[in-house]
Amino acid sequence: MYEEDRVILCVSNSYEKRYFLNEDFESLPELVKAELKAFSVLFTEDVGGIFVIGFNEDGELFFEVQADEGDILYDEIGSHLKIKQIQKEKQELLEALESYFRTFFM
């Protein structure tokens, strides 16, 4: 899935209770795909909304959270804290994903 100058890696949606991995990344090791799914789904279970992970035009990962305007259960502050936690705890994985993307997609 491509949007403008960004490539979406995966999306977890708390409203539809669904997880999506871009089919272009099916060649990732199963352990990496499982870890992405686990922390993405846990993210949306904790704070709600829609959690998007992707790559910008420079090959750097980005995290984006979207929420329905009327969603009173969405925790905006919690989402920022959770992203910082993921960036800290999963730093090695995230750096490896950036290297993978730069090697095979750029």
PDB file of N, CA and C in Angstrom:
ATOM      1  N   MET A   1       0.847  -1.164   0.000  1.00  0.00           N
ATOM      2  CA  MET A   1       0.000   0.000   0.000  1.00  0.00           C
ATOM      3  C   MET A   1       0.898   1.234   0.000  1.00  0.00           C
ATOM      4  N   TYR A   2       0.681   2.079  -0.959  1.00  0.00           N
ATOM      5  CA  TYR A   2       1.489   3.274  -1.111  1.00  0.00           C
ATOM      6  C   TYR A   2       0.582   4.491  -1.059  1.00  0.00           C
ATOM      7  N   GLU A   3       1.026   5.505  -0.374  1.00  0.00           N
ATOM      8  CA  GLU A   3       0.295   6.759  -0.321  1.00  0.00           C
ATOM      9  C   GLU A   3       1.282   7.894  -0.462  1.00  0.00           C
ATOM     10  N   GLU A   4       1.086   8.685  -1.474  1.00  0.00           N
ATOM     11  CA  GLU A   4       1.976   9.808  -1.766  1.00  0.00           C
ATOM     12  C   GLU A   4       3.430   9.347  -1.716  1.00  0.00           C
ATOM     13  N   ASP A   5       4.216   9.908  -0.793  1.00  0.00           N
ATOM     14  CA  ASP A   5       5.623   9.538  -0.685  1.00  0.00           C
ATOM     15  C   ASP A   5       5.870   8.606   0.491  1.00  0.00           C
ATOM     16  N   ARG A   6       4.841   7.875   0.872  1.00  0.00           N
ATOM     17  CA  ARG A   6       4.957   6.980   2.028  1.00  0.00           C
ATOM     18  C   ARG A   6       4.535   5.572   1.636  1.00  0.00           C
ATOM     19  N   VAL A   7       5.125   4.615   2.325  1.00  0.00           N
ATOM     20  CA  VAL A   7       4.758   3.216   2.135  1.00  0.00           C
ATOM     21  C   VAL A   7       4.250   2.704   3.481  1.00  0.00           C
ATOM     22  N   ILE A   8       3.045   2.170   3.485  1.00  0.00           N
ATOM     23  CA  ILE A   8       2.464   1.642   4.714  1.00  0.00           C
ATOM     24  C   ILE A   8       2.990   0.226   4.936  1.00  0.00           C
ATOM     25  N   LEU A   9       3.508  -0.015   6.125  1.00  0.00           N
ATOM     26  CA  LEU A   9       3.988  -1.346   6.507  1.00  0.00           C
ATOM     27  C   LEU A   9       2.842  -2.162   7.071  1.00  0.00           C
ATOM     28  N   CYS A  10       2.167  -1.631   8.088  1.00  0.00           N
ATOM     29  CA  CYS A  10       1.053  -2.352   8.687  1.00  0.00           C
ATOM     30  C   CYS A  10       0.095  -1.381   9.365  1.00  0.00           C
ATOM     31  N   VAL A  11      -1.121  -1.873   9.608  1.00  0.00           N
ATOM     32  CA  VAL A  11      -2.172  -1.079  10.230  1.00  0.00           C
ATOM     33  C   VAL A  11      -2.942  -1.969  11.191  1.00  0.00           C
ATOM     34  N   SER A  12      -3.220  -1.436  12.376  1.00  0.00           N
ATOM     35  CA  SER A  12      -4.096  -2.111  13.321  1.00  0.00           C
ATOM     36  C   SER A  12      -5.278  -1.188  13.592  1.00  0.00           C
ATOM     37  N   ASN A  13      -6.478  -1.716  13.466  1.00  0.00           N
ATOM     38  CA  ASN A  13      -7.692  -0.916  13.571  1.00  0.00           C
ATOM     39  C   ASN A  13      -8.549  -1.429  14.726  1.00  0.00           C
ATOM     40  N   SER A  14      -8.705  -0.612  15.769  1.00  0.00           N
ATOM     41  CA  SER A  14      -9.487  -1.046  16.931  1.00  0.00           C
ATOM     42  C   SER A  14     -10.983  -1.027  16.654  1.00  0.00           C
ATOM     43  N   TYR A  15     -11.424  -0.255  15.684  1.00  0.00           N
ATOM     44  CA  TYR A  15     -12.850  -0.168  15.383  1.00  0.00           C
ATOM     45  C   TYR A  15     -13.359  -1.420  14.679  1.00  0.00           C
ATOM     46  N   GLU A  16     -12.550  -1.921  13.766  1.00  0.00           N
ATOM     47  CA  GLU A  16     -12.939  -3.116  13.010  1.00  0.00           C
ATOM     48  C   GLU A  16     -12.306  -4.382  13.567  1.00  0.00           C
ATOM     49  N   LYS A  17     -11.452  -4.232  14.583  1.00  0.00           N
ATOM     50  CA  LYS A  17     -10.737  -5.376  15.175  1.00  0.00           C
ATOM     51  C   LYS A  17      -9.994  -6.148  14.092  1.00  0.00           C
ATOM     52  N   ARG A  18      -9.200  -5.385  13.292  1.00  0.00           N
ATOM     53  CA  ARG A  18      -8.465  -5.996  12.195  1.00  0.00           C
ATOM     54  C   ARG A  18      -7.027  -5.520  12.197  1.00  0.00           C
ATOM     55  N   TYR A  19      -6.172  -6.368  11.649  1.00  0.00           N
ATOM     56  CA  TYR A  19      -4.754  -6.061  11.462  1.00  0.00           C
ATOM     57  C   TYR A  19      -4.431  -6.326  10.002  1.00  0.00           C
ATOM     58  N   PHE A  20      -3.644  -5.442   9.402  1.00  0.00           N
ATOM     59  CA  PHE A  20      -3.272  -5.570   8.001  1.00  0.00           C
ATOM     60  C   PHE A  20      -1.770  -5.399   7.868  1.00  0.00           C
ATOM     61  N   LEU A  21      -1.139  -6.340   7.176  1.00  0.00           N
ATOM     62  CA  LEU A  21       0.275  -6.232   6.821  1.00  0.00           C
ATOM     63  C   LEU A  21       0.338  -6.079   5.310  1.00  0.00           C
ATOM     64  N   ASN A  22       1.017  -5.029   4.847  1.00  0.00           N
ATOM     65  CA  ASN A  22       1.176  -4.795   3.422  1.00  0.00           C
ATOM     66  C   ASN A  22       1.789  -6.048   2.788  1.00  0.00           C
ATOM     67  N   GLU A  23       1.151  -6.550   1.747  1.00  0.00           N
ATOM     68  CA  GLU A  23       1.607  -7.791   1.113  1.00  0.00           C
ATOM     69  C   GLU A  23       3.015  -7.678   0.536  1.00  0.00           C
ATOM     70  N   ASP A  24       3.493  -6.476   0.297  1.00  0.00           N
ATOM     71  CA  ASP A  24       4.866  -6.298  -0.187  1.00  0.00           C
ATOM     72  C   ASP A  24       5.900  -6.707   0.861  1.00  0.00           C
ATOM     73  N   PHE A  25       5.463  -6.864   2.104  1.00  0.00           N
ATOM     74  CA  PHE A  25       6.376  -7.212   3.187  1.00  0.00           C
ATOM     75  C   PHE A  25       6.181  -8.658   3.682  1.00  0.00           C
ATOM     76  N   GLU A  26       5.522  -9.464   2.877  1.00  0.00           N
ATOM     77  CA  GLU A  26       5.320 -10.870   3.240  1.00  0.00           C
ATOM     78  C   GLU A  26       6.633 -11.636   3.347  1.00  0.00           C
ATOM     79  N   SER A  27       7.689 -11.128   2.722  1.00  0.00           N
ATOM     80  CA  SER A  27       8.978 -11.817   2.765  1.00  0.00           C
ATOM     81  C   SER A  27       9.731 -11.583   4.074  1.00  0.00           C
ATOM     82  N   LEU A  28       9.207 -10.732   4.937  1.00  0.00           N
ATOM     83  CA  LEU A  28       9.831 -10.550   6.261  1.00  0.00           C
ATOM     84  C   LEU A  28       9.799 -11.872   7.017  1.00  0.00           C
ATOM     85  N   PRO A  29      10.770 -12.108   7.873  1.00  0.00           N
ATOM     86  CA  PRO A  29      10.746 -13.327   8.684  1.00  0.00           C
ATOM     87  C   PRO A  29       9.470 -13.406   9.531  1.00  0.00           C
ATOM     88  N   GLU A  30       8.986 -14.618   9.729  1.00  0.00           N
ATOM     89  CA  GLU A  30       7.746 -14.826  10.485  1.00  0.00           C
ATOM     90  C   GLU A  30       7.811 -14.215  11.882  1.00  0.00           C
ATOM     91  N   LEU A  31       8.957 -14.307  12.525  1.00  0.00           N
ATOM     92  CA  LEU A  31       9.116 -13.743  13.866  1.00  0.00           C
ATOM     93  C   LEU A  31       8.924 -12.227  13.853  1.00  0.00           C
ATOM     94  N   VAL A  32       9.443 -11.559  12.847  1.00  0.00           N
ATOM     95  CA  VAL A  32       9.295 -10.108  12.720  1.00  0.00           C
ATOM     96  C   VAL A  32       7.830  -9.753  12.465  1.00  0.00           C
ATOM     97  N   LYS A  33       7.187 -10.497  11.565  1.00  0.00           N
ATOM     98  CA  LYS A  33       5.770 -10.236  11.282  1.00  0.00           C
ATOM     99  C   LYS A  33       4.920 -10.453  12.532  1.00  0.00           C
ATOM    100  N   ALA A  34       5.229 -11.489  13.289  1.00  0.00           N
ATOM    101  CA  ALA A  34       4.478 -11.759  14.515  1.00  0.00           C
ATOM    102  C   ALA A  34       4.678 -10.651  15.553  1.00  0.00           C
ATOM    103  N   GLU A  35       5.896 -10.161  15.662  1.00  0.00           N
ATOM    104  CA  GLU A  35       6.174  -9.099  16.627  1.00  0.00           C
ATOM    105  C   GLU A  35       5.479  -7.799  16.228  1.00  0.00           C
ATOM    106  N   LEU A  36       5.512  -7.470  14.941  1.00  0.00           N
ATOM    107  CA  LEU A  36       4.796  -6.289  14.451  1.00  0.00           C
ATOM    108  C   LEU A  36       3.305  -6.381  14.781  1.00  0.00           C
ATOM    109  N   LYS A  37       2.741  -7.534  14.505  1.00  0.00           N
ATOM    110  CA  LYS A  37       1.313  -7.732  14.763  1.00  0.00           C
ATOM    111  C   LYS A  37       1.026  -7.616  16.258  1.00  0.00           C
ATOM    112  N   ALA A  38       1.850  -8.239  17.073  1.00  0.00           N
ATOM    113  CA  ALA A  38       1.616  -8.237  18.520  1.00  0.00           C
ATOM    114  C   ALA A  38       1.626  -6.823  19.092  1.00  0.00           C
ATOM    115  N   PHE A  39       2.664  -6.049  18.811  1.00  0.00           N
ATOM    116  CA  PHE A  39       2.693  -4.728  19.439  1.00  0.00           C
ATOM    117  C   PHE A  39       1.720  -3.749  18.780  1.00  0.00           C
ATOM    118  N   SER A  40       1.367  -3.956  17.524  1.00  0.00           N
ATOM    119  CA  SER A  40       0.377  -3.087  16.878  1.00  0.00           C
ATOM    120  C   SER A  40      -1.021  -3.323  17.437  1.00  0.00           C
ATOM    121  N   VAL A  41      -1.381  -4.585  17.571  1.00  0.00           N
ATOM    122  CA  VAL A  41      -2.701  -4.920  18.102  1.00  0.00           C
ATOM    123  C   VAL A  41      -2.803  -4.526  19.573  1.00  0.00           C
ATOM    124  N   LEU A  42      -1.744  -4.769  20.340  1.00  0.00           N
ATOM    125  CA  LEU A  42      -1.754  -4.344  21.744  1.00  0.00           C
ATOM    126  C   LEU A  42      -1.875  -2.829  21.864  1.00  0.00           C
ATOM    127  N   PHE A  43      -1.241  -2.113  20.951  1.00  0.00           N
ATOM    128  CA  PHE A  43      -1.337  -0.656  20.942  1.00  0.00           C
ATOM    129  C   PHE A  43      -2.794  -0.225  20.829  1.00  0.00           C
ATOM    130  N   THR A  44      -3.500  -0.754  19.830  1.00  0.00           N
ATOM    131  CA  THR A  44      -4.889  -0.331  19.626  1.00  0.00           C
ATOM    132  C   THR A  44      -5.817  -0.859  20.712  1.00  0.00           C
ATOM    133  N   GLU A  45      -5.475  -1.971  21.321  1.00  0.00           N
ATOM    134  CA  GLU A  45      -6.272  -2.458  22.449  1.00  0.00           C
ATOM    135  C   GLU A  45      -6.119  -1.530  23.656  1.00  0.00           C
ATOM    136  N   ASP A  46      -4.909  -0.995  23.839  1.00  0.00           N
ATOM    137  CA  ASP A  46      -4.642  -0.103  24.974  1.00  0.00           C
ATOM    138  C   ASP A  46      -5.221   1.290  24.789  1.00  0.00           C
ATOM    139  N   VAL A  47      -5.000   1.900  23.626  1.00  0.00           N
ATOM    140  CA  VAL A  47      -5.369   3.312  23.462  1.00  0.00           C
ATOM    141  C   VAL A  47      -6.485   3.547  22.459  1.00  0.00           C
ATOM    142  N   GLY A  48      -6.822   2.554  21.650  1.00  0.00           N
ATOM    143  CA  GLY A  48      -7.890   2.709  20.668  1.00  0.00           C
ATOM    144  C   GLY A  48      -7.378   3.299  19.364  1.00  0.00           C
ATOM    145  N   GLY A  49      -8.317   3.618  18.496  1.00  0.00           N
ATOM    146  CA  GLY A  49      -7.983   4.252  17.227  1.00  0.00           C
ATOM    147  C   GLY A  49      -7.415   3.309  16.186  1.00  0.00           C
ATOM    148  N   ILE A  50      -6.745   3.904  15.243  1.00  0.00           N
ATOM    149  CA  ILE A  50      -6.106   3.176  14.147  1.00  0.00           C
ATOM    150  C   ILE A  50      -4.625   3.510  14.185  1.00  0.00           C
ATOM    151  N   PHE A  51      -3.795   2.482  14.272  1.00  0.00           N
ATOM    152  CA  PHE A  51      -2.350   2.638  14.400  1.00  0.00           C
ATOM    153  C   PHE A  51      -1.703   2.244  13.087  1.00  0.00           C
ATOM    154  N   VAL A  52      -0.960   3.171  12.497  1.00  0.00           N
ATOM    155  CA  VAL A  52      -0.318   2.964  11.201  1.00  0.00           C
ATOM    156  C   VAL A  52       1.194   3.039  11.377  1.00  0.00           C
ATOM    157  N   ILE A  53       1.897   2.062  10.808  1.00  0.00           N
ATOM    158  CA  ILE A  53       3.353   2.074  10.765  1.00  0.00           C
ATOM    159  C   ILE A  53       3.749   2.048   9.302  1.00  0.00           C
ATOM    160  N   GLY A  54       4.669   2.927   8.924  1.00  0.00           N
ATOM    161  CA  GLY A  54       5.095   2.967   7.534  1.00  0.00           C
ATOM    162  C   GLY A  54       6.466   3.601   7.395  1.00  0.00           C
ATOM    163  N   PHE A  55       6.847   3.807   6.156  1.00  0.00           N
ATOM    164  CA  PHE A  55       8.142   4.396   5.836  1.00  0.00           C
ATOM    165  C   PHE A  55       7.917   5.680   5.045  1.00  0.00           C
ATOM    166  N   ASN A  56       8.681   6.719   5.384  1.00  0.00           N
ATOM    167  CA  ASN A  56       8.589   7.954   4.616  1.00  0.00           C
ATOM    168  C   ASN A  56       9.519   7.859   3.411  1.00  0.00           C
ATOM    169  N   GLU A  57       9.601   8.927   2.643  1.00  0.00           N
ATOM    170  CA  GLU A  57      10.396   8.904   1.410  1.00  0.00           C
ATOM    171  C   GLU A  57      11.885   8.733   1.654  1.00  0.00           C
ATOM    172  N   ASP A  58      12.352   8.981   2.881  1.00  0.00           N
ATOM    173  CA  ASP A  58      13.763   8.796   3.223  1.00  0.00           C
ATOM    174  C   ASP A  58      14.046   7.405   3.783  1.00  0.00           C
ATOM    175  N   GLY A  59      13.024   6.562   3.861  1.00  0.00           N
ATOM    176  CA  GLY A  59      13.197   5.209   4.376  1.00  0.00           C
ATOM    177  C   GLY A  59      13.144   5.123   5.887  1.00  0.00           C
ATOM    178  N   GLU A  60      12.683   6.188   6.531  1.00  0.00           N
ATOM    179  CA  GLU A  60      12.562   6.184   7.989  1.00  0.00           C
ATOM    180  C   GLU A  60      11.153   5.757   8.384  1.00  0.00           C
ATOM    181  N   LEU A  61      11.065   5.006   9.468  1.00  0.00           N
ATOM    182  CA  LEU A  61       9.768   4.581   9.969  1.00  0.00           C
ATOM    183  C   LEU A  61       9.001   5.761  10.532  1.00  0.00           C
ATOM    184  N   PHE A  62       7.693   5.723  10.352  1.00  0.00           N
ATOM    185  CA  PHE A  62       6.838   6.687  11.032  1.00  0.00           C
ATOM    186  C   PHE A  62       5.693   5.927  11.692  1.00  0.00           C
ATOM    187  N   PHE A  63       5.172   6.523  12.737  1.00  0.00           N
ATOM    188  CA  PHE A  63       4.014   5.990  13.452  1.00  0.00           C
ATOM    189  C   PHE A  63       2.933   7.052  13.386  1.00  0.00           C
ATOM    190  N   GLU A  64       1.727   6.641  13.093  1.00  0.00           N
ATOM    191  CA  GLU A  64       0.615   7.575  12.991  1.00  0.00           C
ATOM    192  C   GLU A  64      -0.594   6.951  13.672  1.00  0.00           C
ATOM    193  N   VAL A  65      -1.314   7.772  14.401  1.00  0.00           N
ATOM    194  CA  VAL A  65      -2.527   7.300  15.064  1.00  0.00           C
ATOM    195  C   VAL A  65      -3.681   8.170  14.606  1.00  0.00           C
ATOM    196  N   GLN A  66      -4.763   7.524  14.221  1.00  0.00           N
ATOM    197  CA  GLN A  66      -5.980   8.225  13.813  1.00  0.00           C
ATOM    198  C   GLN A  66      -7.110   7.743  14.704  1.00  0.00           C
ATOM    199  N   ALA A  67      -8.042   8.633  14.990  1.00  0.00           N
ATOM    200  CA  ALA A  67      -9.195   8.250  15.800  1.00  0.00           C
ATOM    201  C   ALA A  67     -10.430   8.936  15.262  1.00  0.00           C
ATOM    202  N   ASP A  68     -11.555   8.256  15.372  1.00  0.00           N
ATOM    203  CA  ASP A  68     -12.817   8.874  15.000  1.00  0.00           C
ATOM    204  C   ASP A  68     -13.057  10.076  15.904  1.00  0.00           C
ATOM    205  N   GLU A  69     -13.622  11.117  15.341  1.00  0.00           N
ATOM    206  CA  GLU A  69     -13.827  12.355  16.084  1.00  0.00           C
ATOM    207  C   GLU A  69     -14.655  12.150  17.352  1.00  0.00           C
ATOM    208  N   GLY A  70     -15.629  11.304  17.304  1.00  0.00           N
ATOM    209  CA  GLY A  70     -16.506  11.095  18.455  1.00  0.00           C
ATOM    210  C   GLY A  70     -16.072   9.972  19.378  1.00  0.00           C
ATOM    211  N   ASP A  71     -14.880   9.465  19.200  1.00  0.00           N
ATOM    212  CA  ASP A  71     -14.398   8.337  20.013  1.00  0.00           C
ATOM    213  C   ASP A  71     -13.944   8.831  21.393  1.00  0.00           C
ATOM    214  N   ILE A  72     -14.799   8.684  22.377  1.00  0.00           N
ATOM    215  CA  ILE A  72     -14.462   9.160  23.726  1.00  0.00           C
ATOM    216  C   ILE A  72     -13.529   8.201  24.460  1.00  0.00           C
ATOM    217  N   LEU A  73     -13.348   7.006  23.943  1.00  0.00           N
ATOM    218  CA  LEU A  73     -12.467   6.032  24.586  1.00  0.00           C
ATOM    219  C   LEU A  73     -11.017   6.144  24.115  1.00  0.00           C
ATOM    220  N   TYR A  74     -10.790   6.880  23.017  1.00  0.00           N
ATOM    221  CA  TYR A  74      -9.440   7.034  22.485  1.00  0.00           C
ATOM    222  C   TYR A  74      -8.598   7.848  23.467  1.00  0.00           C
ATOM    223  N   ASP A  75      -7.386   7.369  23.736  1.00  0.00           N
ATOM    224  CA  ASP A  75      -6.480   8.001  24.695  1.00  0.00           C
ATOM    225  C   ASP A  75      -5.315   8.636  23.929  1.00  0.00           C
ATOM    226  N   GLU A  76      -5.445   9.927  23.610  1.00  0.00           N
ATOM    227  CA  GLU A  76      -4.424  10.604  22.806  1.00  0.00           C
ATOM    228  C   GLU A  76      -3.088  10.696  23.535  1.00  0.00           C
ATOM    229  N   ILE A  77      -3.114  11.047  24.800  1.00  0.00           N
ATOM    230  CA  ILE A  77      -1.880  11.137  25.584  1.00  0.00           C
ATOM    231  C   ILE A  77      -1.242   9.753  25.697  1.00  0.00           C
ATOM    232  N   GLY A  78      -2.056   8.758  25.979  1.00  0.00           N
ATOM    233  CA  GLY A  78      -1.561   7.385  26.071  1.00  0.00           C
ATOM    234  C   GLY A  78      -0.935   6.910  24.773  1.00  0.00           C
ATOM    235  N   SER A  79      -1.475   7.372  23.632  1.00  0.00           N
ATOM    236  CA  SER A  79      -0.916   6.938  22.348  1.00  0.00           C
ATOM    237  C   SER A  79       0.499   7.482  22.156  1.00  0.00           C
ATOM    238  N   HIS A  80       0.727   8.722  22.554  1.00  0.00           N
ATOM    239  CA  HIS A  80       2.077   9.290  22.436  1.00  0.00           C
ATOM    240  C   HIS A  80       3.056   8.564  23.353  1.00  0.00           C
ATOM    241  N   LEU A  81       2.613   8.265  24.554  1.00  0.00           N
ATOM    242  CA  LEU A  81       3.468   7.545  25.504  1.00  0.00           C
ATOM    243  C   LEU A  81       3.765   6.133  25.014  1.00  0.00           C
ATOM    244  N   LYS A  82       2.753   5.482  24.454  1.00  0.00           N
ATOM    245  CA  LYS A  82       2.914   4.114  23.956  1.00  0.00           C
ATOM    246  C   LYS A  82       3.884   4.081  22.772  1.00  0.00           C
ATOM    247  N   ILE A  83       3.832   5.076  21.900  1.00  0.00           N
ATOM    248  CA  ILE A  83       4.752   5.131  20.766  1.00  0.00           C
ATOM    249  C   ILE A  83       6.185   5.286  21.264  1.00  0.00           C
ATOM    250  N   LYS A  84       6.391   6.155  22.233  1.00  0.00           N
ATOM    251  CA  LYS A  84       7.737   6.322  22.809  1.00  0.00           C
ATOM    252  C   LYS A  84       8.228   5.021  23.438  1.00  0.00           C
ATOM    253  N   GLN A  85       7.339   4.307  24.099  1.00  0.00           N
ATOM    254  CA  GLN A  85       7.689   3.024  24.703  1.00  0.00           C
ATOM    255  C   GLN A  85       8.096   2.016  23.627  1.00  0.00           C
ATOM    256  N   ILE A  86       7.329   1.945  22.557  1.00  0.00           N
ATOM    257  CA  ILE A  86       7.644   1.025  21.454  1.00  0.00           C
ATOM    258  C   ILE A  86       9.000   1.392  20.845  1.00  0.00           C
ATOM    259  N   GLN A  87       9.227   2.681  20.613  1.00  0.00           N
ATOM    260  CA  GLN A  87      10.497   3.118  20.015  1.00  0.00           C
ATOM    261  C   GLN A  87      11.685   2.751  20.896  1.00  0.00           C
ATOM    262  N   LYS A  88      11.486   2.793  22.192  1.00  0.00           N
ATOM    263  CA  LYS A  88      12.573   2.454  23.118  1.00  0.00           C
ATOM    264  C   LYS A  88      12.767   0.943  23.213  1.00  0.00           C
ATOM    265  N   GLU A  89      11.684   0.212  23.440  1.00  0.00           N
ATOM    266  CA  GLU A  89      11.776  -1.234  23.654  1.00  0.00           C
ATOM    267  C   GLU A  89      12.071  -2.012  22.382  1.00  0.00           C
ATOM    268  N   LYS A  90      11.638  -1.513  21.245  1.00  0.00           N
ATOM    269  CA  LYS A  90      11.786  -2.227  19.970  1.00  0.00           C
ATOM    270  C   LYS A  90      12.799  -1.546  19.049  1.00  0.00           C
ATOM    271  N   GLN A  91      13.718  -0.789  19.621  1.00  0.00           N
ATOM    272  CA  GLN A  91      14.668  -0.005  18.839  1.00  0.00           C
ATOM    273  C   GLN A  91      15.434  -0.860  17.831  1.00  0.00           C
ATOM    274  N   GLU A  92      15.926  -1.994  18.263  1.00  0.00           N
ATOM    275  CA  GLU A  92      16.705  -2.862  17.381  1.00  0.00           C
ATOM    276  C   GLU A  92      15.861  -3.366  16.212  1.00  0.00           C
ATOM    277  N   LEU A  93      14.644  -3.792  16.499  1.00  0.00           N
ATOM    278  CA  LEU A  93      13.737  -4.268  15.452  1.00  0.00           C
ATOM    279  C   LEU A  93      13.422  -3.138  14.469  1.00  0.00           C
ATOM    280  N   LEU A  94      13.128  -1.958  14.979  1.00  0.00           N
ATOM    281  CA  LEU A  94      12.760  -0.831  14.131  1.00  0.00           C
ATOM    282  C   LEU A  94      13.926  -0.406  13.237  1.00  0.00           C
ATOM    283  N   GLU A  95      15.139  -0.414  13.772  1.00  0.00           N
ATOM    284  CA  GLU A  95      16.314  -0.094  12.960  1.00  0.00           C
ATOM    285  C   GLU A  95      16.527  -1.139  11.873  1.00  0.00           C
ATOM    286  N   ALA A  96      16.300  -2.408  12.208  1.00  0.00           N
ATOM    287  CA  ALA A  96      16.448  -3.478  11.220  1.00  0.00           C
ATOM    288  C   ALA A  96      15.401  -3.340  10.114  1.00  0.00           C
ATOM    289  N   LEU A  97      14.189  -2.941  10.468  1.00  0.00           N
ATOM    290  CA  LEU A  97      13.146  -2.729   9.462  1.00  0.00           C
ATOM    291  C   LEU A  97      13.511  -1.589   8.510  1.00  0.00           C
ATOM    292  N   GLU A  98      14.077  -0.519   9.056  1.00  0.00           N
ATOM    293  CA  GLU A  98      14.518   0.586   8.203  1.00  0.00           C
ATOM    294  C   GLU A  98      15.612   0.130   7.247  1.00  0.00           C
ATOM    295  N   SER A  99      16.560  -0.654   7.740  1.00  0.00           N
ATOM    296  CA  SER A  99      17.633  -1.174   6.880  1.00  0.00           C
ATOM    297  C   SER A  99      17.066  -2.078   5.796  1.00  0.00           C
ATOM    298  N   TYR A 100      16.129  -2.933   6.177  1.00  0.00           N
ATOM    299  CA  TYR A 100      15.471  -3.831   5.223  1.00  0.00           C
ATOM    300  C   TYR A 100      14.794  -3.023   4.123  1.00  0.00           C
ATOM    301  N   PHE A 101      14.040  -2.002   4.525  1.00  0.00           N
ATOM    302  CA  PHE A 101      13.318  -1.185   3.552  1.00  0.00           C
ATOM    303  C   PHE A 101      14.282  -0.466   2.610  1.00  0.00           C
ATOM    304  N   ARG A 102      15.326   0.108   3.156  1.00  0.00           N
ATOM    305  CA  ARG A 102      16.298   0.836   2.326  1.00  0.00           C
ATOM    306  C   ARG A 102      17.020  -0.101   1.361  1.00  0.00           C
ATOM    307  N   THR A 103      17.265  -1.330   1.789  1.00  0.00           N
ATOM    308  CA  THR A 103      17.974  -2.298   0.951  1.00  0.00           C
ATOM    309  C   THR A 103      17.089  -2.833  -0.173  1.00  0.00           C
ATOM    310  N   PHE A 104      15.843  -3.180   0.130  1.00  0.00           N
ATOM    311  CA  PHE A 104      15.008  -3.868  -0.848  1.00  0.00           C
ATOM    312  C   PHE A 104      13.985  -2.991  -1.563  1.00  0.00           C
ATOM    313  N   PHE A 105      13.724  -1.795  -1.063  1.00  0.00           N
ATOM    314  CA  PHE A 105      12.665  -0.976  -1.666  1.00  0.00           C
ATOM    315  C   PHE A 105      13.132   0.366  -2.207  1.00  0.00           C
ATOM    316  N   MET A 106      14.335   0.800  -1.841  1.00  0.00           N
ATOM    317  CA  MET A 106      14.776   2.128  -2.299  1.00  0.00           C
ATOM    318  C   MET A 106      15.829   2.000  -3.383  1.00  0.00           C
TER     319      MET A 106
END
